[in-house]
Amino acid sequence: MVIYLIIAWRILYLVTWGRECPALPGDVVFDPEEWQAAWIVAYRSPPPDNPPPLGQMVRLIAGFGGFLGRKHDGHPGPTAIWEGMQKVRAFAIALEAGCAAYFNDG
């Protein structure tokens, strides 16, 4: 039960800060593994040296959860962010496993 409260708090935190503080650096909320994995999957390119702004990261992650980001759609909600975060966590684990396998083969 406690773990669900922590997850709900983080999702609400992302919803609120993504709307009210979109210019903050993305690494204020996201671990490097999370934002880099999301970037690689979304853009099919290496991540930038510096994390993108929080507003951009929240929209990118919500996109994995079904948020379309059209002009009239407004801000992403908790459901899209929650579903997107689940996928991003899986991307980060896969990226870590892939890197470990690559470096252990050499």
PDB file of N, CA and C in Angstrom:
ATOM      1  N   MET A   1       0.818  -1.200   0.000  1.00  0.00           N
ATOM      2  CA  MET A   1       0.000   0.000   0.000  1.00  0.00           C
ATOM      3  C   MET A   1       0.859   1.261   0.000  1.00  0.00           C
ATOM      4  N   VAL A   2       1.916   1.248   0.793  1.00  0.00           N
ATOM      5  CA  VAL A   2       2.781   2.426   0.887  1.00  0.00           C
ATOM      6  C   VAL A   2       3.448   2.732  -0.447  1.00  0.00           C
ATOM      7  N   ILE A   3       3.829   1.683  -1.167  1.00  0.00           N
ATOM      8  CA  ILE A   3       4.483   1.900  -2.456  1.00  0.00           C
ATOM      9  C   ILE A   3       3.554   2.624  -3.428  1.00  0.00           C
ATOM     10  N   TYR A   4       2.262   2.325  -3.385  1.00  0.00           N
ATOM     11  CA  TYR A   4       1.303   3.012  -4.254  1.00  0.00           C
ATOM     12  C   TYR A   4       1.193   4.493  -3.901  1.00  0.00           C
ATOM     13  N   LEU A   5       1.298   4.818  -2.633  1.00  0.00           N
ATOM     14  CA  LEU A   5       1.277   6.227  -2.219  1.00  0.00           C
ATOM     15  C   LEU A   5       2.489   6.971  -2.750  1.00  0.00           C
ATOM     16  N   ILE A   6       3.636   6.324  -2.719  1.00  0.00           N
ATOM     17  CA  ILE A   6       4.852   6.956  -3.231  1.00  0.00           C
ATOM     18  C   ILE A   6       4.746   7.166  -4.740  1.00  0.00           C
ATOM     19  N   ILE A   7       4.246   6.168  -5.446  1.00  0.00           N
ATOM     20  CA  ILE A   7       4.080   6.282  -6.892  1.00  0.00           C
ATOM     21  C   ILE A   7       3.079   7.383  -7.225  1.00  0.00           C
ATOM     22  N   ALA A   8       1.960   7.413  -6.514  1.00  0.00           N
ATOM     23  CA  ALA A   8       0.942   8.445  -6.751  1.00  0.00           C
ATOM     24  C   ALA A   8       1.505   9.835  -6.487  1.00  0.00           C
ATOM     25  N   TRP A   9       2.322   9.951  -5.453  1.00  0.00           N
ATOM     26  CA  TRP A   9       2.935  11.249  -5.144  1.00  0.00           C
ATOM     27  C   TRP A   9       3.844  11.691  -6.282  1.00  0.00           C
ATOM     28  N   ARG A  10       4.650  10.764  -6.817  1.00  0.00           N
ATOM     29  CA  ARG A  10       5.562  11.125  -7.892  1.00  0.00           C
ATOM     30  C   ARG A  10       4.798  11.523  -9.149  1.00  0.00           C
ATOM     31  N   ILE A  11       3.736  10.821  -9.464  1.00  0.00           N
ATOM     32  CA  ILE A  11       2.944  11.147 -10.654  1.00  0.00           C
ATOM     33  C   ILE A  11       2.306  12.523 -10.491  1.00  0.00           C
ATOM     34  N   LEU A  12       1.720  12.783  -9.334  1.00  0.00           N
ATOM     35  CA  LEU A  12       1.125  14.098  -9.080  1.00  0.00           C
ATOM     36  C   LEU A  12       2.182  15.193  -9.150  1.00  0.00           C
ATOM     37  N   TYR A  13       3.352  14.907  -8.635  1.00  0.00           N
ATOM     38  CA  TYR A  13       4.487  15.831  -8.682  1.00  0.00           C
ATOM     39  C   TYR A  13       4.829  16.166 -10.136  1.00  0.00           C
ATOM     40  N   LEU A  14       4.882  15.139 -10.997  1.00  0.00           N
ATOM     41  CA  LEU A  14       5.189  15.357 -12.410  1.00  0.00           C
ATOM     42  C   LEU A  14       4.105  16.154 -13.117  1.00  0.00           C
ATOM     43  N   VAL A  15       2.848  15.834 -12.813  1.00  0.00           N
ATOM     44  CA  VAL A  15       1.737  16.572 -13.427  1.00  0.00           C
ATOM     45  C   VAL A  15       1.825  18.050 -13.053  1.00  0.00           C
ATOM     46  N   THR A  16       2.009  18.327 -11.777  1.00  0.00           N
ATOM     47  CA  THR A  16       2.020  19.700 -11.283  1.00  0.00           C
ATOM     48  C   THR A  16       3.238  20.470 -11.783  1.00  0.00           C
ATOM     49  N   TRP A  17       4.423  19.914 -11.603  1.00  0.00           N
ATOM     50  CA  TRP A  17       5.637  20.630 -12.007  1.00  0.00           C
ATOM     51  C   TRP A  17       5.757  20.744 -13.522  1.00  0.00           C
ATOM     52  N   GLY A  18       5.247  19.758 -14.252  1.00  0.00           N
ATOM     53  CA  GLY A  18       5.263  19.847 -15.706  1.00  0.00           C
ATOM     54  C   GLY A  18       4.428  21.005 -16.219  1.00  0.00           C
ATOM     55  N   ARG A  19       3.385  21.349 -15.486  1.00  0.00           N
ATOM     56  CA  ARG A  19       2.526  22.474 -15.862  1.00  0.00           C
ATOM     57  C   ARG A  19       3.058  23.807 -15.349  1.00  0.00           C
ATOM     58  N   GLU A  20       3.500  23.823 -14.103  1.00  0.00           N
ATOM     59  CA  GLU A  20       3.849  25.086 -13.451  1.00  0.00           C
ATOM     60  C   GLU A  20       5.316  25.482 -13.595  1.00  0.00           C
ATOM     61  N   CYS A  21       6.196  24.536 -13.826  1.00  0.00           N
ATOM     62  CA  CYS A  21       7.635  24.822 -13.910  1.00  0.00           C
ATOM     63  C   CYS A  21       8.253  24.109 -15.106  1.00  0.00           C
ATOM     64  N   PRO A  22       7.742  24.321 -16.322  1.00  0.00           N
ATOM     65  CA  PRO A  22       8.229  23.550 -17.466  1.00  0.00           C
ATOM     66  C   PRO A  22       9.669  23.869 -17.866  1.00  0.00           C
ATOM     67  N   ALA A  23      10.209  24.987 -17.422  1.00  0.00           N
ATOM     68  CA  ALA A  23      11.560  25.371 -17.820  1.00  0.00           C
ATOM     69  C   ALA A  23      12.647  24.756 -16.933  1.00  0.00           C
ATOM     70  N   LEU A  24      12.260  24.125 -15.830  1.00  0.00           N
ATOM     71  CA  LEU A  24      13.262  23.477 -14.975  1.00  0.00           C
ATOM     72  C   LEU A  24      13.995  22.397 -15.754  1.00  0.00           C
ATOM     73  N   PRO A  25      15.258  22.144 -15.425  1.00  0.00           N
ATOM     74  CA  PRO A  25      15.957  21.048 -16.095  1.00  0.00           C
ATOM     75  C   PRO A  25      15.295  19.704 -15.774  1.00  0.00           C
ATOM     76  N   GLY A  26      15.274  18.815 -16.731  1.00  0.00           N
ATOM     77  CA  GLY A  26      14.617  17.522 -16.552  1.00  0.00           C
ATOM     78  C   GLY A  26      15.246  16.657 -15.477  1.00  0.00           C
ATOM     79  N   ASP A  27      16.532  16.888 -15.176  1.00  0.00           N
ATOM     80  CA  ASP A  27      17.187  16.045 -14.167  1.00  0.00           C
ATOM     81  C   ASP A  27      16.824  16.430 -12.741  1.00  0.00           C
ATOM     82  N   VAL A  28      15.977  17.443 -12.585  1.00  0.00           N
ATOM     83  CA  VAL A  28      15.463  17.779 -11.252  1.00  0.00           C
ATOM     84  C   VAL A  28      14.542  16.659 -10.774  1.00  0.00           C
ATOM     85  N   VAL A  29      13.850  16.031 -11.699  1.00  0.00           N
ATOM     86  CA  VAL A  29      12.869  14.999 -11.361  1.00  0.00           C
ATOM     87  C   VAL A  29      13.277  13.615 -11.871  1.00  0.00           C
ATOM     88  N   PHE A  30      13.908  13.551 -13.032  1.00  0.00           N
ATOM     89  CA  PHE A  30      14.220  12.273 -13.657  1.00  0.00           C
ATOM     90  C   PHE A  30      15.683  11.895 -13.457  1.00  0.00           C
ATOM     91  N   ASP A  31      15.908  10.604 -13.192  1.00  0.00           N
ATOM     92  CA  ASP A  31      17.268  10.073 -13.137  1.00  0.00           C
ATOM     93  C   ASP A  31      17.848  10.115 -14.543  1.00  0.00           C
ATOM     94  N   PRO A  32      19.181  10.198 -14.655  1.00  0.00           N
ATOM     95  CA  PRO A  32      19.783  10.183 -16.004  1.00  0.00           C
ATOM     96  C   PRO A  32      19.356   8.973 -16.832  1.00  0.00           C
ATOM     97  N   GLU A  33      19.241   7.821 -16.192  1.00  0.00           N
ATOM     98  CA  GLU A  33      18.837   6.622 -16.928  1.00  0.00           C
ATOM     99  C   GLU A  33      17.440   6.772 -17.517  1.00  0.00           C
ATOM    100  N   GLU A  34      16.553   7.438 -16.784  1.00  0.00           N
ATOM    101  CA  GLU A  34      15.171   7.603 -17.246  1.00  0.00           C
ATOM    102  C   GLU A  34      15.093   8.559 -18.423  1.00  0.00           C
ATOM    103  N   TRP A  35      15.625   9.768 -18.269  1.00  0.00           N
ATOM    104  CA  TRP A  35      15.454  10.740 -19.352  1.00  0.00           C
ATOM    105  C   TRP A  35      16.262  10.357 -20.580  1.00  0.00           C
ATOM    106  N   GLN A  36      17.421   9.727 -20.392  1.00  0.00           N
ATOM    107  CA  GLN A  36      18.214   9.316 -21.549  1.00  0.00           C
ATOM    108  C   GLN A  36      17.545   8.170 -22.299  1.00  0.00           C
ATOM    109  N   ALA A  37      17.000   7.210 -21.583  1.00  0.00           N
ATOM    110  CA  ALA A  37      16.296   6.099 -22.235  1.00  0.00           C
ATOM    111  C   ALA A  37      15.062   6.600 -22.977  1.00  0.00           C
ATOM    112  N   ALA A  38      14.313   7.504 -22.365  1.00  0.00           N
ATOM    113  CA  ALA A  38      13.129   8.068 -23.028  1.00  0.00           C
ATOM    114  C   ALA A  38      13.529   8.806 -24.296  1.00  0.00           C
ATOM    115  N   TRP A  39      14.612   9.561 -24.233  1.00  0.00           N
ATOM    116  CA  TRP A  39      15.086  10.317 -25.398  1.00  0.00           C
ATOM    117  C   TRP A  39      15.479   9.367 -26.529  1.00  0.00           C
ATOM    118  N   ILE A  40      16.261   8.336 -26.195  1.00  0.00           N
ATOM    119  CA  ILE A  40      16.739   7.395 -27.208  1.00  0.00           C
ATOM    120  C   ILE A  40      15.574   6.702 -27.904  1.00  0.00           C
ATOM    121  N   VAL A  41      14.576   6.268 -27.143  1.00  0.00           N
ATOM    122  CA  VAL A  41      13.429   5.574 -27.740  1.00  0.00           C
ATOM    123  C   VAL A  41      12.574   6.532 -28.570  1.00  0.00           C
ATOM    124  N   ALA A  42      12.346   7.733 -28.063  1.00  0.00           N
ATOM    125  CA  ALA A  42      11.467   8.680 -28.757  1.00  0.00           C
ATOM    126  C   ALA A  42      12.093   9.237 -30.034  1.00  0.00           C
ATOM    127  N   TYR A  43      13.374   9.583 -29.973  1.00  0.00           N
ATOM    128  CA  TYR A  43      14.010  10.285 -31.093  1.00  0.00           C
ATOM    129  C   TYR A  43      14.968   9.418 -31.901  1.00  0.00           C
ATOM    130  N   ARG A  44      15.202   8.181 -31.447  1.00  0.00           N
ATOM    131  CA  ARG A  44      16.106   7.265 -32.151  1.00  0.00           C
ATOM    132  C   ARG A  44      17.471   7.902 -32.406  1.00  0.00           C
ATOM    133  N   SER A  45      17.957   8.631 -31.416  1.00  0.00           N
ATOM    134  CA  SER A  45      19.258   9.279 -31.509  1.00  0.00           C
ATOM    135  C   SER A  45      19.867   9.374 -30.110  1.00  0.00           C
ATOM    136  N   PRO A  46      21.171   9.573 -30.031  1.00  0.00           N
ATOM    137  CA  PRO A  46      21.792   9.698 -28.703  1.00  0.00           C
ATOM    138  C   PRO A  46      21.216  10.894 -27.948  1.00  0.00           C
ATOM    139  N   PRO A  47      21.138  10.791 -26.636  1.00  0.00           N
ATOM    140  CA  PRO A  47      20.597  11.908 -25.850  1.00  0.00           C
ATOM    141  C   PRO A  47      21.561  13.079 -25.838  1.00  0.00           C
ATOM    142  N   PRO A  48      21.055  14.283 -25.621  1.00  0.00           N
ATOM    143  CA  PRO A  48      21.940  15.450 -25.532  1.00  0.00           C
ATOM    144  C   PRO A  48      22.785  15.379 -24.257  1.00  0.00           C
ATOM    145  N   ASP A  49      23.814  16.210 -24.205  1.00  0.00           N
ATOM    146  CA  ASP A  49      24.674  16.247 -23.021  1.00  0.00           C
ATOM    147  C   ASP A  49      23.929  16.749 -21.792  1.00  0.00           C
ATOM    148  N   ASN A  50      23.065  17.731 -21.993  1.00  0.00           N
ATOM    149  CA  ASN A  50      22.278  18.291 -20.895  1.00  0.00           C
ATOM    150  C   ASN A  50      20.829  17.827 -21.020  1.00  0.00           C
ATOM    151  N   PRO A  51      20.181  17.565 -19.888  1.00  0.00           N
ATOM    152  CA  PRO A  51      18.789  17.105 -19.961  1.00  0.00           C
ATOM    153  C   PRO A  51      17.864  18.176 -20.526  1.00  0.00           C
ATOM    154  N   PRO A  52      16.852  17.761 -21.276  1.00  0.00           N
ATOM    155  CA  PRO A  52      15.868  18.709 -21.790  1.00  0.00           C
ATOM    156  C   PRO A  52      15.031  19.289 -20.652  1.00  0.00           C
ATOM    157  N   PRO A  53      14.308  20.367 -20.918  1.00  0.00           N
ATOM    158  CA  PRO A  53      13.459  20.962 -19.871  1.00  0.00           C
ATOM    159  C   PRO A  53      12.396  19.978 -19.379  1.00  0.00           C
ATOM    160  N   LEU A  54      11.973  20.182 -18.155  1.00  0.00           N
ATOM    161  CA  LEU A  54      11.002  19.303 -17.514  1.00  0.00           C
ATOM    162  C   LEU A  54       9.700  19.222 -18.299  1.00  0.00           C
ATOM    163  N   GLY A  55       9.211  20.352 -18.799  1.00  0.00           N
ATOM    164  CA  GLY A  55       7.963  20.344 -19.568  1.00  0.00           C
ATOM    165  C   GLY A  55       8.054  19.456 -20.795  1.00  0.00           C
ATOM    166  N   GLN A  56       9.188  19.505 -21.493  1.00  0.00           N
ATOM    167  CA  GLN A  56       9.383  18.662 -22.667  1.00  0.00           C
ATOM    168  C   GLN A  56       9.453  17.190 -22.274  1.00  0.00           C
ATOM    169  N   MET A  57      10.131  16.899 -21.167  1.00  0.00           N
ATOM    170  CA  MET A  57      10.251  15.508 -20.723  1.00  0.00           C
ATOM    171  C   MET A  57       8.905  14.936 -20.283  1.00  0.00           C
ATOM    172  N   VAL A  58       8.115  15.727 -19.590  1.00  0.00           N
ATOM    173  CA  VAL A  58       6.803  15.251 -19.147  1.00  0.00           C
ATOM    174  C   VAL A  58       5.928  14.941 -20.356  1.00  0.00           C
ATOM    175  N   ARG A  59       5.943  15.799 -21.357  1.00  0.00           N
ATOM    176  CA  ARG A  59       5.156  15.553 -22.567  1.00  0.00           C
ATOM    177  C   ARG A  59       5.672  14.339 -23.333  1.00  0.00           C
ATOM    178  N   LEU A  60       6.996  14.185 -23.396  1.00  0.00           N
ATOM    179  CA  LEU A  60       7.579  13.047 -24.086  1.00  0.00           C
ATOM    180  C   LEU A  60       7.163  11.749 -23.408  1.00  0.00           C
ATOM    181  N   ILE A  61       7.272  11.703 -22.087  1.00  0.00           N
ATOM    182  CA  ILE A  61       6.914  10.506 -21.333  1.00  0.00           C
ATOM    183  C   ILE A  61       5.412  10.243 -21.401  1.00  0.00           C
ATOM    184  N   ALA A  62       4.612  11.301 -21.326  1.00  0.00           N
ATOM    185  CA  ALA A  62       3.162  11.134 -21.447  1.00  0.00           C
ATOM    186  C   ALA A  62       2.799  10.597 -22.828  1.00  0.00           C
ATOM    187  N   GLY A  63       3.592  10.926 -23.841  1.00  0.00           N
ATOM    188  CA  GLY A  63       3.367  10.406 -25.182  1.00  0.00           C
ATOM    189  C   GLY A  63       3.461   8.888 -25.223  1.00  0.00           C
ATOM    190  N   PHE A  64       4.361   8.315 -24.421  1.00  0.00           N
ATOM    191  CA  PHE A  64       4.452   6.857 -24.332  1.00  0.00           C
ATOM    192  C   PHE A  64       3.198   6.280 -23.677  1.00  0.00           C
ATOM    193  N   GLY A  65       2.489   7.113 -22.919  1.00  0.00           N
ATOM    194  CA  GLY A  65       1.272   6.667 -22.247  1.00  0.00           C
ATOM    195  C   GLY A  65       0.001   6.993 -23.008  1.00  0.00           C
ATOM    196  N   GLY A  66       0.131   7.481 -24.240  1.00  0.00           N
ATOM    197  CA  GLY A  66      -1.040   7.746 -25.060  1.00  0.00           C
ATOM    198  C   GLY A  66      -1.386   9.206 -25.260  1.00  0.00           C
ATOM    199  N   PHE A  67      -0.673  10.127 -24.614  1.00  0.00           N
ATOM    200  CA  PHE A  67      -0.940  11.555 -24.787  1.00  0.00           C
ATOM    201  C   PHE A  67      -0.506  11.965 -26.186  1.00  0.00           C
ATOM    202  N   LEU A  68      -1.402  12.622 -26.930  1.00  0.00           N
ATOM    203  CA  LEU A  68      -1.123  12.970 -28.313  1.00  0.00           C
ATOM    204  C   LEU A  68      -0.435  14.321 -28.473  1.00  0.00           C
ATOM    205  N   GLY A  69      -0.630  15.224 -27.537  1.00  0.00           N
ATOM    206  CA  GLY A  69       0.060  16.512 -27.568  1.00  0.00           C
ATOM    207  C   GLY A  69      -0.419  17.476 -28.634  1.00  0.00           C
ATOM    208  N   ARG A  70      -1.671  17.354 -29.025  1.00  0.00           N
ATOM    209  CA  ARG A  70      -2.215  18.300 -30.000  1.00  0.00           C
ATOM    210  C   ARG A  70      -2.442  19.650 -29.322  1.00  0.00           C
ATOM    211  N   LYS A  71      -2.601  20.701 -30.104  1.00  0.00           N
ATOM    212  CA  LYS A  71      -2.738  22.050 -29.543  1.00  0.00           C
ATOM    213  C   LYS A  71      -3.887  22.164 -28.552  1.00  0.00           C
ATOM    214  N   HIS A  72      -4.994  21.541 -28.837  1.00  0.00           N
ATOM    215  CA  HIS A  72      -6.174  21.677 -27.979  1.00  0.00           C
ATOM    216  C   HIS A  72      -6.214  20.646 -26.844  1.00  0.00           C
ATOM    217  N   ASP A  73      -5.213  19.783 -26.748  1.00  0.00           N
ATOM    218  CA  ASP A  73      -5.222  18.720 -25.740  1.00  0.00           C
ATOM    219  C   ASP A  73      -4.879  19.216 -24.330  1.00  0.00           C
ATOM    220  N   GLY A  74      -4.259  20.354 -24.207  1.00  0.00           N
ATOM    221  CA  GLY A  74      -3.879  20.838 -22.883  1.00  0.00           C
ATOM    222  C   GLY A  74      -2.667  20.094 -22.357  1.00  0.00           C
ATOM    223  N   HIS A  75      -2.575  20.001 -21.050  1.00  0.00           N
ATOM    224  CA  HIS A  75      -1.435  19.351 -20.410  1.00  0.00           C
ATOM    225  C   HIS A  75      -1.718  17.869 -20.191  1.00  0.00           C
ATOM    226  N   PRO A  76      -0.648  17.054 -20.160  1.00  0.00           N
ATOM    227  CA  PRO A  76      -0.862  15.631 -19.896  1.00  0.00           C
ATOM    228  C   PRO A  76      -1.381  15.401 -18.483  1.00  0.00           C
ATOM    229  N   GLY A  77      -2.201  14.397 -18.333  1.00  0.00           N
ATOM    230  CA  GLY A  77      -2.767  14.065 -17.031  1.00  0.00           C
ATOM    231  C   GLY A  77      -2.050  12.903 -16.374  1.00  0.00           C
ATOM    232  N   PRO A  78      -2.495  12.564 -15.180  1.00  0.00           N
ATOM    233  CA  PRO A  78      -1.812  11.514 -14.417  1.00  0.00           C
ATOM    234  C   PRO A  78      -1.846  10.128 -15.066  1.00  0.00           C
ATOM    235  N   THR A  79      -2.918   9.792 -15.757  1.00  0.00           N
ATOM    236  CA  THR A  79      -2.998   8.461 -16.365  1.00  0.00           C
ATOM    237  C   THR A  79      -1.949   8.293 -17.455  1.00  0.00           C
ATOM    238  N   ALA A  80      -1.842   9.275 -18.344  1.00  0.00           N
ATOM    239  CA  ALA A  80      -0.854   9.201 -19.424  1.00  0.00           C
ATOM    240  C   ALA A  80       0.562   9.205 -18.865  1.00  0.00           C
ATOM    241  N   ILE A  81       0.809  10.003 -17.848  1.00  0.00           N
ATOM    242  CA  ILE A  81       2.147  10.050 -17.249  1.00  0.00           C
ATOM    243  C   ILE A  81       2.463   8.731 -16.553  1.00  0.00           C
ATOM    244  N   TRP A  82       1.513   8.167 -15.826  1.00  0.00           N
ATOM    245  CA  TRP A  82       1.736   6.895 -15.150  1.00  0.00           C
ATOM    246  C   TRP A  82       2.055   5.791 -16.154  1.00  0.00           C
ATOM    247  N   GLU A  83       1.262   5.689 -17.212  1.00  0.00           N
ATOM    248  CA  GLU A  83       1.507   4.651 -18.208  1.00  0.00           C
ATOM    249  C   GLU A  83       2.833   4.883 -18.932  1.00  0.00           C
ATOM    250  N   GLY A  84       3.139   6.140 -19.204  1.00  0.00           N
ATOM    251  CA  GLY A  84       4.417   6.459 -19.836  1.00  0.00           C
ATOM    252  C   GLY A  84       5.602   6.152 -18.943  1.00  0.00           C
ATOM    253  N   MET A  85       5.485   6.434 -17.651  1.00  0.00           N
ATOM    254  CA  MET A  85       6.577   6.155 -16.713  1.00  0.00           C
ATOM    255  C   MET A  85       6.845   4.659 -16.604  1.00  0.00           C
ATOM    256  N   GLN A  86       5.816   3.850 -16.669  1.00  0.00           N
ATOM    257  CA  GLN A  86       6.015   2.401 -16.640  1.00  0.00           C
ATOM    258  C   GLN A  86       6.865   1.962 -17.830  1.00  0.00           C
ATOM    259  N   LYS A  87       6.564   2.520 -18.996  1.00  0.00           N
ATOM    260  CA  LYS A  87       7.329   2.167 -20.194  1.00  0.00           C
ATOM    261  C   LYS A  87       8.756   2.699 -20.116  1.00  0.00           C
ATOM    262  N   VAL A  88       8.914   3.917 -19.617  1.00  0.00           N
ATOM    263  CA  VAL A  88      10.253   4.495 -19.503  1.00  0.00           C
ATOM    264  C   VAL A  88      11.115   3.669 -18.555  1.00  0.00           C
ATOM    265  N   ARG A  89      10.530   3.196 -17.474  1.00  0.00           N
ATOM    266  CA  ARG A  89      11.283   2.349 -16.541  1.00  0.00           C
ATOM    267  C   ARG A  89      11.756   1.085 -17.250  1.00  0.00           C
ATOM    268  N   ALA A  90      10.887   0.499 -18.076  1.00  0.00           N
ATOM    269  CA  ALA A  90      11.276  -0.688 -18.846  1.00  0.00           C
ATOM    270  C   ALA A  90      12.369  -0.346 -19.863  1.00  0.00           C
ATOM    271  N   PHE A  91      12.269   0.821 -20.510  1.00  0.00           N
ATOM    272  CA  PHE A  91      13.308   1.253 -21.459  1.00  0.00           C
ATOM    273  C   PHE A  91      14.649   1.386 -20.747  1.00  0.00           C
ATOM    274  N   ALA A  92      14.645   1.988 -19.560  1.00  0.00           N
ATOM    275  CA  ALA A  92      15.878   2.201 -18.807  1.00  0.00           C
ATOM    276  C   ALA A  92      16.512   0.864 -18.407  1.00  0.00           C
ATOM    277  N   ILE A  93      15.687  -0.079 -17.981  1.00  0.00           N
ATOM    278  CA  ILE A  93      16.198  -1.406 -17.608  1.00  0.00           C
ATOM    279  C   ILE A  93      16.783  -2.103 -18.834  1.00  0.00           C
ATOM    280  N   ALA A  94      16.099  -2.015 -19.967  1.00  0.00           N
ATOM    281  CA  ALA A  94      16.583  -2.644 -21.195  1.00  0.00           C
ATOM    282  C   ALA A  94      17.888  -2.004 -21.656  1.00  0.00           C
ATOM    283  N   LEU A  95      17.978  -0.693 -21.576  1.00  0.00           N
ATOM    284  CA  LEU A  95      19.198   0.005 -21.975  1.00  0.00           C
ATOM    285  C   LEU A  95      20.367  -0.402 -21.082  1.00  0.00           C
ATOM    286  N   GLU A  96      20.112  -0.489 -19.795  1.00  0.00           N
ATOM    287  CA  GLU A  96      21.146  -0.908 -18.852  1.00  0.00           C
ATOM    288  C   GLU A  96      21.593  -2.342 -19.140  1.00  0.00           C
ATOM    289  N   ALA A  97      20.646  -3.225 -19.392  1.00  0.00           N
ATOM    290  CA  ALA A  97      20.975  -4.617 -19.694  1.00  0.00           C
ATOM    291  C   ALA A  97      21.747  -4.720 -21.004  1.00  0.00           C
ATOM    292  N   GLY A  98      21.346  -3.940 -21.990  1.00  0.00           N
ATOM    293  CA  GLY A  98      22.041  -3.955 -23.274  1.00  0.00           C
ATOM    294  C   GLY A  98      23.464  -3.450 -23.162  1.00  0.00           C
ATOM    295  N   CYS A  99      23.658  -2.399 -22.411  1.00  0.00           N
ATOM    296  CA  CYS A  99      25.003  -1.865 -22.200  1.00  0.00           C
ATOM    297  C   CYS A  99      25.869  -2.858 -21.443  1.00  0.00           C
ATOM    298  N   ALA A 100      25.296  -3.503 -20.427  1.00  0.00           N
ATOM    299  CA  ALA A 100      26.051  -4.487 -19.650  1.00  0.00           C
ATOM    300  C   ALA A 100      26.460  -5.666 -20.540  1.00  0.00           C
ATOM    301  N   ALA A 101      25.540  -6.121 -21.378  1.00  0.00           N
ATOM    302  CA  ALA A 101      25.846  -7.241 -22.275  1.00  0.00           C
ATOM    303  C   ALA A 101      26.915  -6.836 -23.296  1.00  0.00           C
ATOM    304  N   TYR A 102      26.837  -5.628 -23.803  1.00  0.00           N
ATOM    305  CA  TYR A 102      27.802  -5.140 -24.790  1.00  0.00           C
ATOM    306  C   TYR A 102      29.195  -5.071 -24.190  1.00  0.00           C
ATOM    307  N   PHE A 103      29.303  -4.514 -23.002  1.00  0.00           N
ATOM    308  CA  PHE A 103      30.616  -4.344 -22.391  1.00  0.00           C
ATOM    309  C   PHE A 103      31.160  -5.652 -21.813  1.00  0.00           C
ATOM    310  N   ASN A 104      30.319  -6.599 -21.491  1.00  0.00           N
ATOM    311  CA  ASN A 104      30.792  -7.886 -20.979  1.00  0.00           C
ATOM    312  C   ASN A 104      31.245  -8.806 -22.107  1.00  0.00           C
ATOM    313  N   ASP A 105      30.789  -8.561 -23.339  1.00  0.00           N
ATOM    314  CA  ASP A 105      31.206  -9.391 -24.471  1.00  0.00           C
ATOM    315  C   ASP A 105      32.633  -9.095 -24.896  1.00  0.00           C
ATOM    316  N   GLY A 106      33.098  -7.871 -24.646  1.00  0.00           N
ATOM    317  CA  GLY A 106      34.419  -7.438 -25.111  1.00  0.00           C
ATOM    318  C   GLY A 106      35.478  -8.030 -24.347  1.00  0.00           C
TER     319      GLY A 106
END
